[in-house]
Amino acid sequence: MAGTETPSSSLPGSDPVGMQAFAVLLRRMNAEFNRISHEFAQAQGLHLTDVQALIAILDADTAGGPMTPGRLRDQLDLTSGAVTACIDRLEKAGHIRRVRALGDRRVVHLHYEEAARAVAGEFFRPLARGTEAARSRFTREELTTVTRFLAELNRELVLLGRRTS
């Protein structure tokens, strides 16, 4: 690590990499992400579920496969009516567009509008700068380990979600 800082001394327990310290840090990070998401939703006149839908649509676009209303419904665990209302709000607000698939006109793909991406990019730029500032304090090897940890934690969360649904 570039500056060998340790986790905050305000963490409970005596082990800075123990389960309790991880739980506290993950809860704090989650709370801050939720706060920022709420601020974005309010600034855009959206519901928090709409922001979650935008993230899912963005991630699907980035991964190379467009989101569909059915996949979005499954991913967000919404009813058909709720996902339709969400998509309608996002489209009306100019955040997404519906596009019929060329091969099968019954299939609808959801895409994040470029202008809306720019608005989101501007809003979240301070978060990106903060993330880059934090990343700069670590070596490439440390970041590889952190990335591996986050990927494994996400995998476990997905598996947990499948067991509880």
N, C-alpha and C. Protein backbone atom coordinates (compact mmCIF):
# COMPACT_ATOMS: atom_id res chain seq x y z
N MET A 1 0.84 -1.16 0.00
CA MET A 1 0.00 0.00 0.00
C MET A 1 0.89 1.23 0.00
N ALA A 2 0.57 2.22 -0.78
CA ALA A 2 1.39 3.42 -0.90
C ALA A 2 1.57 4.11 0.43
N GLY A 3 0.52 4.31 1.19
CA GLY A 3 0.59 4.83 2.55
C GLY A 3 -0.03 3.77 3.43
N THR A 4 0.69 3.14 4.26
CA THR A 4 0.21 1.94 4.95
C THR A 4 -0.80 2.26 6.03
N GLU A 5 -1.87 2.96 5.65
CA GLU A 5 -2.94 3.25 6.60
C GLU A 5 -3.66 1.96 6.95
N THR A 6 -4.19 1.90 8.15
CA THR A 6 -5.00 0.77 8.57
C THR A 6 -6.43 1.24 8.69
N PRO A 7 -7.38 0.32 8.74
CA PRO A 7 -8.77 0.72 8.90
C PRO A 7 -8.95 1.59 10.14
N SER A 8 -9.99 2.40 10.10
CA SER A 8 -10.28 3.35 11.17
C SER A 8 -10.25 2.70 12.55
N SER A 9 -9.64 3.40 13.51
CA SER A 9 -9.58 2.88 14.87
C SER A 9 -10.95 2.87 15.53
N SER A 10 -11.96 3.50 14.88
CA SER A 10 -13.30 3.49 15.46
C SER A 10 -14.04 2.19 15.19
N LEU A 11 -13.34 1.24 14.56
CA LEU A 11 -13.97 -0.05 14.29
C LEU A 11 -14.02 -0.88 15.56
N PRO A 12 -15.11 -1.64 15.73
CA PRO A 12 -15.20 -2.49 16.92
C PRO A 12 -14.28 -3.69 16.81
N GLY A 13 -13.91 -4.23 17.94
CA GLY A 13 -13.09 -5.43 17.96
C GLY A 13 -11.62 -5.11 17.83
N SER A 14 -10.82 -6.11 17.99
CA SER A 14 -9.37 -5.90 17.99
C SER A 14 -8.73 -6.31 16.67
N ASP A 15 -9.46 -6.97 15.77
CA ASP A 15 -8.89 -7.45 14.52
C ASP A 15 -9.36 -6.56 13.37
N PRO A 16 -8.46 -5.73 12.81
CA PRO A 16 -8.87 -4.79 11.76
C PRO A 16 -9.28 -5.47 10.45
N VAL A 17 -8.99 -6.77 10.30
CA VAL A 17 -9.44 -7.48 9.11
C VAL A 17 -10.38 -8.63 9.48
N GLY A 18 -10.90 -8.59 10.69
CA GLY A 18 -11.84 -9.61 11.14
C GLY A 18 -13.24 -9.36 10.60
N MET A 19 -14.10 -10.34 10.81
CA MET A 19 -15.45 -10.28 10.29
C MET A 19 -16.22 -9.04 10.77
N GLN A 20 -16.06 -8.69 12.03
CA GLN A 20 -16.80 -7.54 12.56
C GLN A 20 -16.35 -6.25 11.88
N ALA A 21 -15.06 -6.08 11.67
CA ALA A 21 -14.55 -4.89 11.00
C ALA A 21 -15.06 -4.84 9.55
N PHE A 22 -15.06 -5.98 8.86
CA PHE A 22 -15.57 -6.03 7.50
C PHE A 22 -17.04 -5.64 7.47
N ALA A 23 -17.82 -6.19 8.40
CA ALA A 23 -19.26 -5.90 8.44
C ALA A 23 -19.51 -4.41 8.64
N VAL A 24 -18.79 -3.80 9.55
CA VAL A 24 -18.96 -2.37 9.81
C VAL A 24 -18.60 -1.56 8.57
N LEU A 25 -17.46 -1.86 7.97
CA LEU A 25 -17.02 -1.11 6.79
C LEU A 25 -17.97 -1.29 5.61
N LEU A 26 -18.44 -2.51 5.39
CA LEU A 26 -19.37 -2.75 4.29
C LEU A 26 -20.70 -2.04 4.53
N ARG A 27 -21.18 -2.04 5.78
CA ARG A 27 -22.43 -1.32 6.09
C ARG A 27 -22.25 0.18 5.86
N ARG A 28 -21.13 0.73 6.30
CA ARG A 28 -20.87 2.16 6.11
C ARG A 28 -20.82 2.51 4.62
N MET A 29 -20.12 1.68 3.85
CA MET A 29 -20.02 1.93 2.42
C MET A 29 -21.40 1.82 1.77
N ASN A 30 -22.16 0.81 2.12
CA ASN A 30 -23.50 0.63 1.57
C ASN A 30 -24.39 1.83 1.92
N ALA A 31 -24.30 2.31 3.15
CA ALA A 31 -25.10 3.47 3.55
C ALA A 31 -24.75 4.70 2.73
N GLU A 32 -23.46 4.90 2.47
CA GLU A 32 -23.04 6.06 1.66
C GLU A 32 -23.49 5.92 0.22
N PHE A 33 -23.38 4.72 -0.36
CA PHE A 33 -23.87 4.50 -1.72
C PHE A 33 -25.38 4.74 -1.79
N ASN A 34 -26.11 4.27 -0.78
CA ASN A 34 -27.55 4.50 -0.74
C ASN A 34 -27.88 5.99 -0.65
N ARG A 35 -27.14 6.71 0.17
CA ARG A 35 -27.36 8.16 0.30
C ARG A 35 -27.15 8.86 -1.04
N ILE A 36 -26.07 8.52 -1.72
CA ILE A 36 -25.77 9.14 -3.01
C ILE A 36 -26.85 8.76 -4.04
N SER A 37 -27.29 7.52 -4.03
CA SER A 37 -28.35 7.08 -4.95
C SER A 37 -29.65 7.83 -4.69
N HIS A 38 -29.99 8.03 -3.41
CA HIS A 38 -31.19 8.80 -3.06
C HIS A 38 -31.07 10.24 -3.55
N GLU A 39 -29.90 10.83 -3.39
CA GLU A 39 -29.70 12.21 -3.87
C GLU A 39 -29.88 12.30 -5.37
N PHE A 40 -29.34 11.33 -6.11
CA PHE A 40 -29.50 11.32 -7.56
C PHE A 40 -30.97 11.15 -7.92
N ALA A 41 -31.64 10.20 -7.26
CA ALA A 41 -33.06 9.97 -7.54
C ALA A 41 -33.86 11.25 -7.31
N GLN A 42 -33.63 11.91 -6.20
CA GLN A 42 -34.35 13.15 -5.90
C GLN A 42 -34.05 14.23 -6.93
N ALA A 43 -32.78 14.38 -7.29
CA ALA A 43 -32.39 15.40 -8.26
C ALA A 43 -33.03 15.16 -9.62
N GLN A 44 -33.28 13.91 -9.95
CA GLN A 44 -33.85 13.55 -11.26
C GLN A 44 -35.36 13.33 -11.21
N GLY A 45 -35.96 13.47 -10.03
CA GLY A 45 -37.40 13.23 -9.89
C GLY A 45 -37.77 11.77 -10.09
N LEU A 46 -36.88 10.89 -9.63
CA LEU A 46 -37.08 9.45 -9.80
C LEU A 46 -37.28 8.76 -8.46
N HIS A 47 -37.74 7.53 -8.52
CA HIS A 47 -37.81 6.67 -7.35
C HIS A 47 -36.47 5.95 -7.23
N LEU A 48 -36.15 5.46 -6.05
CA LEU A 48 -34.92 4.70 -5.87
C LEU A 48 -34.91 3.45 -6.75
N THR A 49 -36.06 2.82 -6.92
CA THR A 49 -36.16 1.66 -7.81
C THR A 49 -35.79 2.04 -9.24
N ASP A 50 -36.13 3.25 -9.66
CA ASP A 50 -35.77 3.71 -11.00
C ASP A 50 -34.25 3.79 -11.15
N VAL A 51 -33.58 4.24 -10.10
CA VAL A 51 -32.12 4.33 -10.13
C VAL A 51 -31.52 2.92 -10.21
N GLN A 52 -32.09 1.99 -9.45
CA GLN A 52 -31.62 0.60 -9.53
C GLN A 52 -31.83 0.05 -10.94
N ALA A 53 -32.93 0.40 -11.56
CA ALA A 53 -33.19 -0.04 -12.94
C ALA A 53 -32.17 0.57 -13.89
N LEU A 54 -31.86 1.85 -13.71
CA LEU A 54 -30.86 2.50 -14.57
C LEU A 54 -29.50 1.81 -14.44
N ILE A 55 -29.14 1.46 -13.23
CA ILE A 55 -27.86 0.76 -13.02
C ILE A 55 -27.87 -0.58 -13.75
N ALA A 56 -28.98 -1.32 -13.64
CA ALA A 56 -29.08 -2.62 -14.31
C ALA A 56 -29.01 -2.46 -15.82
N ILE A 57 -29.66 -1.44 -16.36
CA ILE A 57 -29.65 -1.19 -17.81
C ILE A 57 -28.25 -0.78 -18.25
N LEU A 58 -27.60 0.08 -17.48
CA LEU A 58 -26.23 0.50 -17.80
C LEU A 58 -25.28 -0.69 -17.77
N ASP A 59 -25.36 -1.49 -16.74
CA ASP A 59 -24.48 -2.65 -16.63
C ASP A 59 -24.71 -3.63 -17.77
N ALA A 60 -25.97 -3.83 -18.16
CA ALA A 60 -26.26 -4.73 -19.28
C ALA A 60 -25.69 -4.18 -20.58
N ASP A 61 -25.85 -2.87 -20.82
CA ASP A 61 -25.28 -2.24 -22.02
C ASP A 61 -23.76 -2.39 -22.03
N THR A 62 -23.13 -2.18 -20.88
CA THR A 62 -21.68 -2.27 -20.76
C THR A 62 -21.20 -3.70 -20.98
N ALA A 63 -21.98 -4.67 -20.54
CA ALA A 63 -21.59 -6.07 -20.68
C ALA A 63 -21.83 -6.59 -22.09
N GLY A 64 -22.45 -5.77 -22.94
CA GLY A 64 -22.61 -6.15 -24.33
C GLY A 64 -23.95 -6.77 -24.68
N GLY A 65 -24.85 -6.88 -23.73
CA GLY A 65 -26.17 -7.43 -24.03
C GLY A 65 -27.25 -6.53 -23.48
N PRO A 66 -28.16 -6.08 -24.33
CA PRO A 66 -29.18 -5.14 -23.85
C PRO A 66 -30.12 -5.77 -22.83
N MET A 67 -30.62 -4.94 -21.94
CA MET A 67 -31.58 -5.36 -20.93
C MET A 67 -32.95 -5.48 -21.59
N THR A 68 -33.74 -6.42 -21.10
CA THR A 68 -35.14 -6.55 -21.54
C THR A 68 -36.03 -6.30 -20.33
N PRO A 69 -37.29 -5.95 -20.56
CA PRO A 69 -38.19 -5.76 -19.41
C PRO A 69 -38.30 -7.01 -18.53
N GLY A 70 -38.32 -8.18 -19.13
CA GLY A 70 -38.40 -9.42 -18.35
C GLY A 70 -37.19 -9.64 -17.47
N ARG A 71 -36.01 -9.44 -18.04
CA ARG A 71 -34.78 -9.58 -17.23
C ARG A 71 -34.74 -8.53 -16.13
N LEU A 72 -35.18 -7.32 -16.44
CA LEU A 72 -35.19 -6.26 -15.43
C LEU A 72 -36.15 -6.61 -14.30
N ARG A 73 -37.31 -7.14 -14.66
CA ARG A 73 -38.29 -7.58 -13.65
C ARG A 73 -37.67 -8.62 -12.74
N ASP A 74 -37.00 -9.60 -13.32
CA ASP A 74 -36.37 -10.65 -12.52
C ASP A 74 -35.24 -10.10 -11.65
N GLN A 75 -34.41 -9.25 -12.24
CA GLN A 75 -33.25 -8.73 -11.51
C GLN A 75 -33.67 -7.86 -10.33
N LEU A 76 -34.73 -7.05 -10.51
CA LEU A 76 -35.17 -6.16 -9.43
C LEU A 76 -36.26 -6.78 -8.57
N ASP A 77 -36.71 -7.98 -8.93
CA ASP A 77 -37.76 -8.69 -8.21
C ASP A 77 -39.02 -7.84 -8.11
N LEU A 78 -39.47 -7.37 -9.29
CA LEU A 78 -40.67 -6.54 -9.37
C LEU A 78 -41.78 -7.32 -10.07
N THR A 79 -43.01 -6.86 -9.89
CA THR A 79 -44.12 -7.41 -10.66
C THR A 79 -44.05 -6.85 -12.08
N SER A 80 -44.79 -7.45 -12.99
CA SER A 80 -44.83 -6.95 -14.37
C SER A 80 -45.34 -5.51 -14.40
N GLY A 81 -46.37 -5.24 -13.62
CA GLY A 81 -46.93 -3.89 -13.59
C GLY A 81 -45.93 -2.87 -13.04
N ALA A 82 -45.20 -3.26 -12.00
CA ALA A 82 -44.23 -2.33 -11.39
C ALA A 82 -43.08 -2.05 -12.35
N VAL A 83 -42.61 -3.07 -13.06
CA VAL A 83 -41.49 -2.84 -13.99
C VAL A 83 -41.97 -2.00 -15.17
N THR A 84 -43.20 -2.20 -15.62
CA THR A 84 -43.73 -1.37 -16.70
C THR A 84 -43.83 0.09 -16.27
N ALA A 85 -44.31 0.33 -15.06
CA ALA A 85 -44.41 1.71 -14.55
C ALA A 85 -43.02 2.33 -14.43
N CYS A 86 -42.06 1.57 -13.97
CA CYS A 86 -40.68 2.05 -13.84
C CYS A 86 -40.12 2.41 -15.21
N ILE A 87 -40.27 1.52 -16.19
CA ILE A 87 -39.76 1.78 -17.54
C ILE A 87 -40.46 3.00 -18.14
N ASP A 88 -41.76 3.11 -17.92
CA ASP A 88 -42.49 4.27 -18.43
C ASP A 88 -41.95 5.57 -17.83
N ARG A 89 -41.70 5.60 -16.52
CA ARG A 89 -41.15 6.80 -15.87
C ARG A 89 -39.78 7.15 -16.44
N LEU A 90 -38.93 6.12 -16.58
CA LEU A 90 -37.57 6.36 -17.08
C LEU A 90 -37.58 6.85 -18.52
N GLU A 91 -38.47 6.30 -19.33
CA GLU A 91 -38.57 6.73 -20.72
C GLU A 91 -39.11 8.15 -20.81
N LYS A 92 -40.15 8.44 -20.04
CA LYS A 92 -40.75 9.78 -20.04
C LYS A 92 -39.75 10.83 -19.58
N ALA A 93 -38.89 10.47 -18.61
CA ALA A 93 -37.88 11.40 -18.10
C ALA A 93 -36.67 11.51 -19.02
N GLY A 94 -36.63 10.71 -20.10
CA GLY A 94 -35.54 10.78 -21.06
C GLY A 94 -34.29 10.00 -20.69
N HIS A 95 -34.40 9.10 -19.72
CA HIS A 95 -33.24 8.33 -19.29
C HIS A 95 -32.99 7.09 -20.15
N ILE A 96 -34.06 6.49 -20.65
CA ILE A 96 -33.90 5.27 -21.44
C ILE A 96 -34.75 5.37 -22.70
N ARG A 97 -34.50 4.43 -23.61
CA ARG A 97 -35.37 4.27 -24.77
C ARG A 97 -35.62 2.78 -24.98
N ARG A 98 -36.81 2.49 -25.48
CA ARG A 98 -37.17 1.12 -25.84
C ARG A 98 -36.86 0.94 -27.32
N VAL A 99 -36.24 -0.19 -27.64
CA VAL A 99 -35.91 -0.50 -29.03
C VAL A 99 -36.35 -1.94 -29.31
N ARG A 100 -37.12 -2.11 -30.36
CA ARG A 100 -37.54 -3.47 -30.75
C ARG A 100 -36.34 -4.20 -31.36
N ALA A 101 -36.19 -5.47 -31.00
CA ALA A 101 -35.11 -6.28 -31.55
C ALA A 101 -35.35 -6.50 -33.04
N LEU A 102 -34.28 -6.46 -33.80
CA LEU A 102 -34.40 -6.64 -35.25
C LEU A 102 -34.85 -8.05 -35.61
N GLY A 103 -34.32 -9.04 -34.92
CA GLY A 103 -34.63 -10.43 -35.23
C GLY A 103 -36.01 -10.87 -34.80
N ASP A 104 -36.54 -10.25 -33.76
CA ASP A 104 -37.85 -10.62 -33.23
C ASP A 104 -38.50 -9.35 -32.68
N ARG A 105 -39.43 -8.79 -33.43
CA ARG A 105 -40.04 -7.50 -33.06
C ARG A 105 -40.84 -7.58 -31.76
N ARG A 106 -41.09 -8.78 -31.26
CA ARG A 106 -41.80 -8.90 -29.97
C ARG A 106 -40.88 -8.59 -28.80
N VAL A 107 -39.57 -8.69 -29.03
CA VAL A 107 -38.58 -8.47 -27.97
C VAL A 107 -38.24 -6.98 -27.91
N VAL A 108 -38.27 -6.45 -26.70
CA VAL A 108 -37.94 -5.04 -26.48
C VAL A 108 -36.63 -4.97 -25.71
N HIS A 109 -35.72 -4.15 -26.20
CA HIS A 109 -34.45 -3.89 -25.50
C HIS A 109 -34.51 -2.50 -24.89
N LEU A 110 -33.92 -2.38 -23.71
CA LEU A 110 -33.88 -1.10 -23.00
C LEU A 110 -32.45 -0.56 -23.05
N HIS A 111 -32.31 0.68 -23.47
CA HIS A 111 -30.99 1.30 -23.58
C HIS A 111 -30.97 2.62 -22.84
N TYR A 112 -29.85 2.88 -22.19
CA TYR A 112 -29.62 4.12 -21.46
C TYR A 112 -29.32 5.21 -22.50
N GLU A 113 -30.05 6.30 -22.48
CA GLU A 113 -29.85 7.40 -23.43
C GLU A 113 -28.51 8.09 -23.17
N GLU A 114 -27.83 8.47 -24.23
CA GLU A 114 -26.52 9.12 -24.09
C GLU A 114 -26.60 10.42 -23.29
N ALA A 115 -27.62 11.23 -23.54
CA ALA A 115 -27.76 12.49 -22.79
C ALA A 115 -27.94 12.22 -21.30
N ALA A 116 -28.70 11.17 -20.97
CA ALA A 116 -28.92 10.81 -19.57
C ALA A 116 -27.63 10.27 -18.95
N ARG A 117 -26.84 9.55 -19.74
CA ARG A 117 -25.53 9.07 -19.24
C ARG A 117 -24.66 10.26 -18.88
N ALA A 118 -24.71 11.30 -19.69
CA ALA A 118 -23.90 12.49 -19.42
C ALA A 118 -24.36 13.16 -18.12
N VAL A 119 -25.66 13.23 -17.90
CA VAL A 119 -26.20 13.82 -16.66
C VAL A 119 -25.74 12.99 -15.46
N ALA A 120 -25.86 11.68 -15.56
CA ALA A 120 -25.43 10.80 -14.47
C ALA A 120 -23.93 10.90 -14.27
N GLY A 121 -23.18 10.96 -15.37
CA GLY A 121 -21.72 11.09 -15.27
C GLY A 121 -21.32 12.33 -14.52
N GLU A 122 -22.00 13.43 -14.80
CA GLU A 122 -21.70 14.70 -14.11
C GLU A 122 -22.04 14.58 -12.62
N PHE A 123 -23.19 13.99 -12.31
CA PHE A 123 -23.61 13.86 -10.92
C PHE A 123 -22.64 12.98 -10.13
N PHE A 124 -22.23 11.87 -10.74
CA PHE A 124 -21.39 10.90 -10.02
C PHE A 124 -19.89 11.15 -10.18
N ARG A 125 -19.51 12.22 -10.87
CA ARG A 125 -18.09 12.51 -11.06
C ARG A 125 -17.34 12.66 -9.71
N PRO A 126 -17.91 13.33 -8.71
CA PRO A 126 -17.20 13.38 -7.42
C PRO A 126 -16.96 12.00 -6.81
N LEU A 127 -17.92 11.09 -6.97
CA LEU A 127 -17.73 9.72 -6.49
C LEU A 127 -16.60 9.05 -7.25
N ALA A 128 -16.55 9.26 -8.56
CA ALA A 128 -15.46 8.68 -9.36
C ALA A 128 -14.11 9.24 -8.93
N ARG A 129 -14.06 10.54 -8.67
CA ARG A 129 -12.80 11.14 -8.21
C ARG A 129 -12.39 10.58 -6.85
N GLY A 130 -13.34 10.42 -5.95
CA GLY A 130 -13.05 9.84 -4.65
C GLY A 130 -12.59 8.40 -4.76
N THR A 131 -13.22 7.65 -5.65
CA THR A 131 -12.81 6.26 -5.87
C THR A 131 -11.39 6.22 -6.41
N GLU A 132 -11.08 7.09 -7.36
CA GLU A 132 -9.73 7.11 -7.93
C GLU A 132 -8.71 7.54 -6.88
N ALA A 133 -9.08 8.48 -6.02
CA ALA A 133 -8.17 8.90 -4.95
C ALA A 133 -7.87 7.72 -4.02
N ALA A 134 -8.90 6.96 -3.67
CA ALA A 134 -8.70 5.80 -2.80
C ALA A 134 -7.86 4.74 -3.52
N ARG A 135 -8.16 4.48 -4.78
CA ARG A 135 -7.39 3.48 -5.55
C ARG A 135 -5.92 3.84 -5.64
N SER A 136 -5.64 5.14 -5.74
CA SER A 136 -4.25 5.58 -5.92
C SER A 136 -3.38 5.28 -4.70
N ARG A 137 -4.00 4.97 -3.59
CA ARG A 137 -3.25 4.68 -2.36
C ARG A 137 -2.84 3.21 -2.26
N PHE A 138 -3.15 2.43 -3.29
CA PHE A 138 -2.88 1.00 -3.26
C PHE A 138 -2.01 0.61 -4.45
N THR A 139 -1.26 -0.45 -4.25
CA THR A 139 -0.46 -0.99 -5.35
C THR A 139 -1.38 -1.79 -6.27
N ARG A 140 -0.88 -2.10 -7.44
CA ARG A 140 -1.65 -2.91 -8.39
C ARG A 140 -1.98 -4.27 -7.78
N GLU A 141 -1.03 -4.85 -7.09
CA GLU A 141 -1.25 -6.17 -6.47
C GLU A 141 -2.35 -6.09 -5.41
N GLU A 142 -2.31 -5.03 -4.61
CA GLU A 142 -3.36 -4.87 -3.59
C GLU A 142 -4.72 -4.69 -4.25
N LEU A 143 -4.78 -3.89 -5.31
CA LEU A 143 -6.05 -3.68 -6.01
C LEU A 143 -6.55 -4.98 -6.63
N THR A 144 -5.64 -5.82 -7.10
CA THR A 144 -6.04 -7.13 -7.64
C THR A 144 -6.70 -7.95 -6.55
N THR A 145 -6.17 -7.91 -5.35
CA THR A 145 -6.75 -8.64 -4.22
C THR A 145 -8.10 -8.06 -3.84
N VAL A 146 -8.19 -6.74 -3.78
CA VAL A 146 -9.47 -6.09 -3.44
C VAL A 146 -10.52 -6.45 -4.49
N THR A 147 -10.15 -6.40 -5.76
CA THR A 147 -11.08 -6.73 -6.83
C THR A 147 -11.54 -8.18 -6.72
N ARG A 148 -10.61 -9.06 -6.43
CA ARG A 148 -10.97 -10.47 -6.26
C ARG A 148 -11.93 -10.64 -5.09
N PHE A 149 -11.66 -9.95 -3.97
CA PHE A 149 -12.55 -10.02 -2.81
C PHE A 149 -13.95 -9.53 -3.17
N LEU A 150 -14.05 -8.37 -3.84
CA LEU A 150 -15.36 -7.82 -4.20
C LEU A 150 -16.11 -8.74 -5.16
N ALA A 151 -15.40 -9.32 -6.12
CA ALA A 151 -16.03 -10.26 -7.05
C ALA A 151 -16.56 -11.48 -6.30
N GLU A 152 -15.78 -12.01 -5.37
CA GLU A 152 -16.21 -13.17 -4.59
C GLU A 152 -17.38 -12.82 -3.67
N LEU A 153 -17.35 -11.64 -3.07
CA LEU A 153 -18.45 -11.22 -2.21
C LEU A 153 -19.72 -11.05 -3.05
N ASN A 154 -19.62 -10.44 -4.23
CA ASN A 154 -20.78 -10.32 -5.10
C ASN A 154 -21.32 -11.69 -5.49
N ARG A 155 -20.43 -12.62 -5.79
CA ARG A 155 -20.86 -13.98 -6.14
C ARG A 155 -21.63 -14.60 -4.98
N GLU A 156 -21.12 -14.45 -3.76
CA GLU A 156 -21.80 -15.00 -2.59
C GLU A 156 -23.16 -14.33 -2.36
N LEU A 157 -23.24 -13.03 -2.61
CA LEU A 157 -24.51 -12.32 -2.44
C LEU A 157 -25.54 -12.81 -3.46
N VAL A 158 -25.10 -13.05 -4.69
CA VAL A 158 -26.01 -13.59 -5.71
C VAL A 158 -26.50 -14.96 -5.29
N LEU A 159 -25.59 -15.81 -4.82
CA LEU A 159 -25.98 -17.15 -4.36
C LEU A 159 -26.93 -17.06 -3.18
N LEU A 160 -26.69 -16.16 -2.26
CA LEU A 160 -27.58 -15.96 -1.12
C LEU A 160 -28.96 -15.54 -1.59
N GLY A 161 -29.00 -14.64 -2.55
CA GLY A 161 -30.28 -14.20 -3.10
C GLY A 161 -31.06 -15.32 -3.75
N ARG A 162 -30.36 -16.21 -4.41
CA ARG A 162 -31.02 -17.36 -5.05
C ARG A 162 -31.56 -18.33 -4.02
N ARG A 163 -30.87 -18.47 -2.89
CA ARG A 163 -31.32 -19.39 -1.84
C ARG A 163 -32.54 -18.84 -1.11
N THR A 164 -32.66 -17.50 -1.02
CA THR A 164 -33.75 -16.90 -0.27
C THR A 164 -34.97 -16.61 -1.12
N SER A 165 -34.86 -16.78 -2.44
CA SER A 165 -36.03 -16.48 -3.28
C SER A 165 -36.77 -17.72 -3.69
